[in-house]
């Protein structure tokens, strides 16, 4: 299973808005992607991670391109 360690880029961490953007993108992929073991298509589960800006998280999934897409979102400041 492909995986990638990335640094959270959003100033507010993986909170409401960034989690919603990431979960929507993950839900549209058609394959399972996880962030630190939780389903990336669930904004609520992403928020339960408590990941802050600068924290490192592990993005994993069945398809390498999908892992890269979600990892790229995690690294961006989605609350800007």
PDB file of N, CA and C in Angstrom:
ATOM      1  N   UNK A   1       0.853  -1.177   0.000  1.00  0.00           N
ATOM      2  CA  UNK A   1       0.000   0.000   0.000  1.00  0.00           C
ATOM      3  C   UNK A   1       0.897   1.239   0.000  1.00  0.00           C
ATOM      4  N   UNK A   2       0.762   2.103  -1.005  1.00  0.00           N
ATOM      5  CA  UNK A   2       1.572   3.325  -1.055  1.00  0.00           C
ATOM      6  C   UNK A   2       1.267   4.241   0.125  1.00  0.00           C
ATOM      7  N   UNK A   3       2.305   4.897   0.639  1.00  0.00           N
ATOM      8  CA  UNK A   3       2.102   5.865   1.714  1.00  0.00           C
ATOM      9  C   UNK A   3       3.133   6.977   1.596  1.00  0.00           C
ATOM     10  N   UNK A   4       2.829   8.080   2.263  1.00  0.00           N
ATOM     11  CA  UNK A   4       3.694   9.250   2.183  1.00  0.00           C
ATOM     12  C   UNK A   4       3.571  10.035   3.477  1.00  0.00           C
ATOM     13  N   UNK A   5       4.704  10.418   4.066  1.00  0.00           N
ATOM     14  CA  UNK A   5       4.699  11.284   5.249  1.00  0.00           C
ATOM     15  C   UNK A   5       4.732  12.729   4.784  1.00  0.00           C
ATOM     16  N   UNK A   6       3.799  13.528   5.307  1.00  0.00           N
ATOM     17  CA  UNK A   6       3.717  14.937   4.917  1.00  0.00           C
ATOM     18  C   UNK A   6       3.507  15.814   6.143  1.00  0.00           C
ATOM     19  N   UNK A   7       3.847  17.077   5.995  1.00  0.00           N
ATOM     20  CA  UNK A   7       3.677  18.056   7.059  1.00  0.00           C
ATOM     21  C   UNK A   7       2.393  18.841   6.822  1.00  0.00           C
ATOM     22  N   UNK A   8       1.599  18.986   7.872  1.00  0.00           N
ATOM     23  CA  UNK A   8       0.344  19.730   7.783  1.00  0.00           C
ATOM     24  C   UNK A   8       0.668  21.201   7.527  1.00  0.00           C
ATOM     25  N   UNK A   9       0.098  21.757   6.455  1.00  0.00           N
ATOM     26  CA  UNK A   9       0.406  23.125   6.064  1.00  0.00           C
ATOM     27  C   UNK A   9      -0.607  24.160   6.499  1.00  0.00           C
ATOM     28  N   UNK A  10      -1.821  23.758   6.808  1.00  0.00           N
ATOM     29  CA  UNK A  10      -2.850  24.732   7.195  1.00  0.00           C
ATOM     30  C   UNK A  10      -2.532  25.342   8.549  1.00  0.00           C
ATOM     31  N   UNK A  11      -2.666  26.655   8.630  1.00  0.00           N
ATOM     32  CA  UNK A  11      -2.358  27.369   9.866  1.00  0.00           C
ATOM     33  C   UNK A  11      -3.205  26.880  11.042  1.00  0.00           C
ATOM     34  N   UNK A  12      -4.424  26.430  10.757  1.00  0.00           N
ATOM     35  CA  UNK A  12      -5.310  25.939  11.819  1.00  0.00           C
ATOM     36  C   UNK A  12      -5.197  24.432  12.002  1.00  0.00           C
ATOM     37  N   UNK A  13      -4.275  23.807  11.277  1.00  0.00           N
ATOM     38  CA  UNK A  13      -4.142  22.354  11.341  1.00  0.00           C
ATOM     39  C   UNK A  13      -5.258  21.696  10.551  1.00  0.00           C
ATOM     40  N   UNK A  14      -5.496  20.430  10.804  1.00  0.00           N
ATOM     41  CA  UNK A  14      -6.552  19.705  10.091  1.00  0.00           C
ATOM     42  C   UNK A  14      -7.870  19.888  10.828  1.00  0.00           C
ATOM     43  N   UNK A  15      -8.340  21.142  10.830  1.00  0.00           N
ATOM     44  CA  UNK A  15      -9.586  21.484  11.494  1.00  0.00           C
ATOM     45  C   UNK A  15     -10.705  21.576  10.456  1.00  0.00           C
ATOM     46  N   UNK A  16     -11.801  22.215  10.765  1.00  0.00           N
ATOM     47  CA  UNK A  16     -13.044  22.162   9.990  1.00  0.00           C
ATOM     48  C   UNK A  16     -12.902  22.402   8.489  1.00  0.00           C
ATOM     49  N   UNK A  17     -12.436  23.569   8.089  1.00  0.00           N
ATOM     50  CA  UNK A  17     -12.397  23.869   6.653  1.00  0.00           C
ATOM     51  C   UNK A  17     -11.398  22.977   5.911  1.00  0.00           C
ATOM     52  N   UNK A  18     -10.144  22.883   6.373  1.00  0.00           N
ATOM     53  CA  UNK A  18      -9.218  21.990   5.677  1.00  0.00           C
ATOM     54  C   UNK A  18      -9.716  20.539   5.648  1.00  0.00           C
ATOM     55  N   UNK A  19     -10.284  20.071   6.749  1.00  0.00           N
ATOM     56  CA  UNK A  19     -10.788  18.688   6.798  1.00  0.00           C
ATOM     57  C   UNK A  19     -11.917  18.487   5.798  1.00  0.00           C
ATOM     58  N   UNK A  20     -12.775  19.476   5.651  1.00  0.00           N
ATOM     59  CA  UNK A  20     -13.886  19.376   4.700  1.00  0.00           C
ATOM     60  C   UNK A  20     -13.370  19.313   3.264  1.00  0.00           C
ATOM     61  N   UNK A  21     -12.393  20.144   2.938  1.00  0.00           N
ATOM     62  CA  UNK A  21     -11.824  20.163   1.588  1.00  0.00           C
ATOM     63  C   UNK A  21     -11.147  18.833   1.280  1.00  0.00           C
ATOM     64  N   UNK A  22     -10.368  18.342   2.233  1.00  0.00           N
ATOM     65  CA  UNK A  22      -9.657  17.074   2.042  1.00  0.00           C
ATOM     66  C   UNK A  22     -10.643  15.913   1.919  1.00  0.00           C
ATOM     67  N   UNK A  23     -11.648  15.881   2.787  1.00  0.00           N
ATOM     68  CA  UNK A  23     -12.589  14.758   2.763  1.00  0.00           C
ATOM     69  C   UNK A  23     -13.415  14.749   1.486  1.00  0.00           C
ATOM     70  N   UNK A  24     -13.775  15.917   0.983  1.00  0.00           N
ATOM     71  CA  UNK A  24     -14.521  15.976  -0.268  1.00  0.00           C
ATOM     72  C   UNK A  24     -13.673  15.439  -1.421  1.00  0.00           C
ATOM     73  N   UNK A  25     -12.415  15.858  -1.474  1.00  0.00           N
ATOM     74  CA  UNK A  25     -11.508  15.382  -2.526  1.00  0.00           C
ATOM     75  C   UNK A  25     -11.296  13.871  -2.417  1.00  0.00           C
ATOM     76  N   UNK A  26     -11.112  13.372  -1.203  1.00  0.00           N
ATOM     77  CA  UNK A  26     -10.889  11.936  -0.992  1.00  0.00           C
ATOM     78  C   UNK A  26     -12.125  11.129  -1.378  1.00  0.00           C
ATOM     79  N   UNK A  27     -13.289  11.662  -1.079  1.00  0.00           N
ATOM     80  CA  UNK A  27     -14.530  10.968  -1.415  1.00  0.00           C
ATOM     81  C   UNK A  27     -14.754  10.843  -2.911  1.00  0.00           C
ATOM     82  N   UNK A  28     -14.198  11.782  -3.673  1.00  0.00           N
ATOM     83  CA  UNK A  28     -14.358  11.774  -5.123  1.00  0.00           C
ATOM     84  C   UNK A  28     -13.370  10.850  -5.843  1.00  0.00           C
ATOM     85  N   UNK A  29     -12.398  10.303  -5.124  1.00  0.00           N
ATOM     86  CA  UNK A  29     -11.333   9.526  -5.764  1.00  0.00           C
ATOM     87  C   UNK A  29     -11.746   8.124  -6.200  1.00  0.00           C
ATOM     88  N   UNK A  30     -12.646   7.501  -5.482  1.00  0.00           N
ATOM     89  CA  UNK A  30     -13.044   6.147  -5.844  1.00  0.00           C
ATOM     90  C   UNK A  30     -12.143   5.059  -5.291  1.00  0.00           C
ATOM     91  N   UNK A  31     -11.249   5.424  -4.388  1.00  0.00           N
ATOM     92  CA  UNK A  31     -10.427   4.429  -3.696  1.00  0.00           C
ATOM     93  C   UNK A  31     -10.213   4.896  -2.270  1.00  0.00           C
ATOM     94  N   UNK A  32      -9.848   3.972  -1.402  1.00  0.00           N
ATOM     95  CA  UNK A  32      -9.663   4.324   0.007  1.00  0.00           C
ATOM     96  C   UNK A  32      -8.314   5.006   0.224  1.00  0.00           C
ATOM     97  N   UNK A  33      -8.367   6.150   0.914  1.00  0.00           N
ATOM     98  CA  UNK A  33      -7.171   6.872   1.331  1.00  0.00           C
ATOM     99  C   UNK A  33      -7.334   7.156   2.822  1.00  0.00           C
ATOM    100  N   UNK A  34      -6.252   6.991   3.575  1.00  0.00           N
ATOM    101  CA  UNK A  34      -6.301   7.259   5.011  1.00  0.00           C
ATOM    102  C   UNK A  34      -5.253   8.297   5.395  1.00  0.00           C
ATOM    103  N   UNK A  35      -5.527   8.971   6.493  1.00  0.00           N
ATOM    104  CA  UNK A  35      -4.562   9.885   7.113  1.00  0.00           C
ATOM    105  C   UNK A  35      -4.370   9.385   8.536  1.00  0.00           C
ATOM    106  N   UNK A  36      -3.165   8.988   8.868  1.00  0.00           N
ATOM    107  CA  UNK A  36      -2.873   8.385  10.176  1.00  0.00           C
ATOM    108  C   UNK A  36      -3.872   7.288  10.535  1.00  0.00           C
ATOM    109  N   UNK A  37      -4.268   6.511   9.521  1.00  0.00           N
ATOM    110  CA  UNK A  37      -5.133   5.368   9.752  1.00  0.00           C
ATOM    111  C   UNK A  37      -6.619   5.641   9.732  1.00  0.00           C
ATOM    112  N   UNK A  38      -7.045   6.914   9.632  1.00  0.00           N
ATOM    113  CA  UNK A  38      -8.482   7.212   9.589  1.00  0.00           C
ATOM    114  C   UNK A  38      -8.905   7.522   8.160  1.00  0.00           C
ATOM    115  N   UNK A  39     -10.142   7.240   7.855  1.00  0.00           N
ATOM    116  CA  UNK A  39     -10.704   7.440   6.526  1.00  0.00           C
ATOM    117  C   UNK A  39     -10.641   8.918   6.133  1.00  0.00           C
ATOM    118  N   UNK A  40      -9.909   9.215   5.062  1.00  0.00           N
ATOM    119  CA  UNK A  40      -9.730  10.607   4.631  1.00  0.00           C
ATOM    120  C   UNK A  40     -10.990  11.190   4.005  1.00  0.00           C
ATOM    121  N   UNK A  41     -11.998  10.364   3.730  1.00  0.00           N
ATOM    122  CA  UNK A  41     -13.239  10.899   3.170  1.00  0.00           C
ATOM    123  C   UNK A  41     -14.210  11.350   4.265  1.00  0.00           C
ATOM    124  N   UNK A  42     -13.782  11.291   5.529  1.00  0.00           N
ATOM    125  CA  UNK A  42     -14.610  11.732   6.653  1.00  0.00           C
ATOM    126  C   UNK A  42     -13.972  12.938   7.336  1.00  0.00           C
ATOM    127  N   UNK A  43     -14.592  14.110   7.167  1.00  0.00           N
ATOM    128  CA  UNK A  43     -14.066  15.321   7.797  1.00  0.00           C
ATOM    129  C   UNK A  43     -14.013  15.164   9.320  1.00  0.00           C
ATOM    130  N   UNK A  44     -15.025  14.542   9.895  1.00  0.00           N
ATOM    131  CA  UNK A  44     -15.066  14.356  11.348  1.00  0.00           C
ATOM    132  C   UNK A  44     -13.889  13.517  11.836  1.00  0.00           C
ATOM    133  N   UNK A  45     -13.610  12.422  11.132  1.00  0.00           N
ATOM    134  CA  UNK A  45     -12.485  11.581  11.539  1.00  0.00           C
ATOM    135  C   UNK A  45     -11.155  12.310  11.376  1.00  0.00           C
ATOM    136  N   UNK A  46     -11.018  13.101  10.318  1.00  0.00           N
ATOM    137  CA  UNK A  46      -9.794  13.880  10.130  1.00  0.00           C
ATOM    138  C   UNK A  46      -9.605  14.848  11.296  1.00  0.00           C
ATOM    139  N   UNK A  47     -10.683  15.516  11.707  1.00  0.00           N
ATOM    140  CA  UNK A  47     -10.584  16.477  12.816  1.00  0.00           C
ATOM    141  C   UNK A  47     -10.223  15.802  14.130  1.00  0.00           C
ATOM    142  N   UNK A  48     -10.636  14.538  14.315  1.00  0.00           N
ATOM    143  CA  UNK A  48     -10.332  13.847  15.571  1.00  0.00           C
ATOM    144  C   UNK A  48      -8.838  13.576  15.727  1.00  0.00           C
ATOM    145  N   UNK A  49      -8.083  13.676  14.626  1.00  0.00           N
ATOM    146  CA  UNK A  49      -6.635  13.461  14.715  1.00  0.00           C
ATOM    147  C   UNK A  49      -5.954  14.553  15.541  1.00  0.00           C
ATOM    148  N   UNK A  50      -6.537  15.740  15.559  1.00  0.00           N
ATOM    149  CA  UNK A  50      -5.934  16.845  16.303  1.00  0.00           C
ATOM    150  C   UNK A  50      -4.606  17.300  15.725  1.00  0.00           C
ATOM    151  N   UNK A  51      -4.405  17.087  14.422  1.00  0.00           N
ATOM    152  CA  UNK A  51      -3.138  17.446  13.785  1.00  0.00           C
ATOM    153  C   UNK A  51      -3.035  18.959  13.624  1.00  0.00           C
ATOM    154  N   UNK A  52      -1.963  19.522  14.141  1.00  0.00           N
ATOM    155  CA  UNK A  52      -1.728  20.963  14.087  1.00  0.00           C
ATOM    156  C   UNK A  52      -0.776  21.308  12.950  1.00  0.00           C
ATOM    157  N   UNK A  53      -0.711  22.580  12.627  1.00  0.00           N
ATOM    158  CA  UNK A  53       0.218  23.047  11.604  1.00  0.00           C
ATOM    159  C   UNK A  53       1.640  22.627  11.985  1.00  0.00           C
ATOM    160  N   UNK A  54       2.341  22.024  11.040  1.00  0.00           N
ATOM    161  CA  UNK A  54       3.706  21.576  11.290  1.00  0.00           C
ATOM    162  C   UNK A  54       3.822  20.131  11.736  1.00  0.00           C
ATOM    163  N   UNK A  55       2.697  19.520  12.130  1.00  0.00           N
ATOM    164  CA  UNK A  55       2.718  18.100  12.502  1.00  0.00           C
ATOM    165  C   UNK A  55       2.923  17.246  11.253  1.00  0.00           C
ATOM    166  N   UNK A  56       3.523  16.089  11.444  1.00  0.00           N
ATOM    167  CA  UNK A  56       3.706  15.144  10.342  1.00  0.00           C
ATOM    168  C   UNK A  56       2.639  14.073  10.440  1.00  0.00           C
ATOM    169  N   UNK A  57       1.988  13.793   9.305  1.00  0.00           N
ATOM    170  CA  UNK A  57       0.975  12.741   9.237  1.00  0.00           C
ATOM    171  C   UNK A  57       1.321  11.792   8.097  1.00  0.00           C
ATOM    172  N   UNK A  58       0.761  10.599   8.166  1.00  0.00           N
ATOM    173  CA  UNK A  58       1.001   9.570   7.158  1.00  0.00           C
ATOM    174  C   UNK A  58      -0.256   9.409   6.303  1.00  0.00           C
ATOM    175  N   UNK A  59      -0.111   9.668   5.008  1.00  0.00           N
ATOM    176  CA  UNK A  59      -1.211   9.483   4.062  1.00  0.00           C
ATOM    177  C   UNK A  59      -0.951   8.161   3.332  1.00  0.00           C
ATOM    178  N   UNK A  60      -1.941   7.288   3.321  1.00  0.00           N
ATOM    179  CA  UNK A  60      -1.784   5.977   2.686  1.00  0.00           C
ATOM    180  C   UNK A  60      -3.037   5.642   1.895  1.00  0.00           C
ATOM    181  N   UNK A  61      -2.870   4.752   0.926  1.00  0.00           N
ATOM    182  CA  UNK A  61      -4.026   4.363   0.135  1.00  0.00           C
ATOM    183  C   UNK A  61      -3.690   3.271  -0.844  1.00  0.00           C
ATOM    184  N   UNK A  62      -4.697   2.897  -1.622  1.00  0.00           N
ATOM    185  CA  UNK A  62      -4.564   1.806  -2.578  1.00  0.00           C
ATOM    186  C   UNK A  62      -3.885   2.247  -3.871  1.00  0.00           C
ATOM    187  N   UNK A  63      -4.032   3.532  -4.224  1.00  0.00           N
ATOM    188  CA  UNK A  63      -3.539   4.050  -5.501  1.00  0.00           C
ATOM    189  C   UNK A  63      -2.550   5.191  -5.223  1.00  0.00           C
ATOM    190  N   UNK A  64      -1.335   5.049  -5.720  1.00  0.00           N
ATOM    191  CA  UNK A  64      -0.281   6.029  -5.437  1.00  0.00           C
ATOM    192  C   UNK A  64      -0.673   7.451  -5.848  1.00  0.00           C
ATOM    193  N   UNK A  65      -1.329   7.608  -6.985  1.00  0.00           N
ATOM    194  CA  UNK A  65      -1.726   8.935  -7.449  1.00  0.00           C
ATOM    195  C   UNK A  65      -2.732   9.578  -6.503  1.00  0.00           C
ATOM    196  N   UNK A  66      -3.605   8.762  -5.928  1.00  0.00           N
ATOM    197  CA  UNK A  66      -4.592   9.278  -4.975  1.00  0.00           C
ATOM    198  C   UNK A  66      -3.922   9.691  -3.675  1.00  0.00           C
ATOM    199  N   UNK A  67      -2.948   8.909  -3.232  1.00  0.00           N
ATOM    200  CA  UNK A  67      -2.173   9.257  -2.034  1.00  0.00           C
ATOM    201  C   UNK A  67      -1.466  10.592  -2.267  1.00  0.00           C
ATOM    202  N   UNK A  68      -0.856  10.752  -3.434  1.00  0.00           N
ATOM    203  CA  UNK A  68      -0.160  12.004  -3.753  1.00  0.00           C
ATOM    204  C   UNK A  68      -1.113  13.188  -3.774  1.00  0.00           C
ATOM    205  N   UNK A  69      -2.317  12.996  -4.307  1.00  0.00           N
ATOM    206  CA  UNK A  69      -3.298  14.084  -4.386  1.00  0.00           C
ATOM    207  C   UNK A  69      -3.731  14.545  -3.001  1.00  0.00           C
ATOM    208  N   UNK A  70      -4.022  13.610  -2.116  1.00  0.00           N
ATOM    209  CA  UNK A  70      -4.451  13.972  -0.761  1.00  0.00           C
ATOM    210  C   UNK A  70      -3.267  14.534   0.029  1.00  0.00           C
ATOM    211  N   UNK A  71      -2.087  13.967  -0.143  1.00  0.00           N
ATOM    212  CA  UNK A  71      -0.893  14.478   0.529  1.00  0.00           C
ATOM    213  C   UNK A  71      -0.635  15.929   0.136  1.00  0.00           C
ATOM    214  N   UNK A  72      -0.831  16.248  -1.132  1.00  0.00           N
ATOM    215  CA  UNK A  72      -0.628  17.619  -1.603  1.00  0.00           C
ATOM    216  C   UNK A  72      -1.604  18.578  -0.931  1.00  0.00           C
ATOM    217  N   UNK A  73      -2.841  18.140  -0.721  1.00  0.00           N
ATOM    218  CA  UNK A  73      -3.824  18.988  -0.026  1.00  0.00           C
ATOM    219  C   UNK A  73      -3.429  19.187   1.431  1.00  0.00           C
ATOM    220  N   UNK A  74      -2.989  18.134   2.088  1.00  0.00           N
ATOM    221  CA  UNK A  74      -2.589  18.227   3.489  1.00  0.00           C
ATOM    222  C   UNK A  74      -1.453  19.242   3.666  1.00  0.00           C
ATOM    223  N   UNK A  75      -0.559  19.285   2.690  1.00  0.00           N
ATOM    224  CA  UNK A  75       0.599  20.181   2.769  1.00  0.00           C
ATOM    225  C   UNK A  75       0.262  21.646   2.510  1.00  0.00           C
ATOM    226  N   UNK A  76      -0.893  21.915   1.895  1.00  0.00           N
ATOM    227  CA  UNK A  76      -1.283  23.292   1.574  1.00  0.00           C
ATOM    228  C   UNK A  76      -1.949  23.971   2.767  1.00  0.00           C
ATOM    229  N   UNK A  77      -1.906  25.315   2.758  1.00  0.00           N
ATOM    230  CA  UNK A  77      -2.666  26.088   3.753  1.00  0.00           C
ATOM    231  C   UNK A  77      -4.058  26.276   3.201  1.00  0.00           C
ATOM    232  N   UNK A  78      -4.956  25.364   3.515  1.00  0.00           N
ATOM    233  CA  UNK A  78      -6.310  25.363   2.981  1.00  0.00           C
ATOM    234  C   UNK A  78      -7.235  26.329   3.701  1.00  0.00           C
ATOM    235  N   UNK A  79      -6.754  27.001   4.712  1.00  0.00           N
ATOM    236  CA  UNK A  79      -7.586  27.947   5.457  1.00  0.00           C
ATOM    237  C   UNK A  79      -7.221  29.380   5.101  1.00  0.00           C
ATOM    238  N   UNK A  80      -6.377  29.554   4.094  1.00  0.00           N
ATOM    239  CA  UNK A  80      -5.933  30.907   3.719  1.00  0.00           C
ATOM    240  C   UNK A  80      -6.983  31.614   2.883  1.00  0.00           C
TER     241      UNK A  80
END
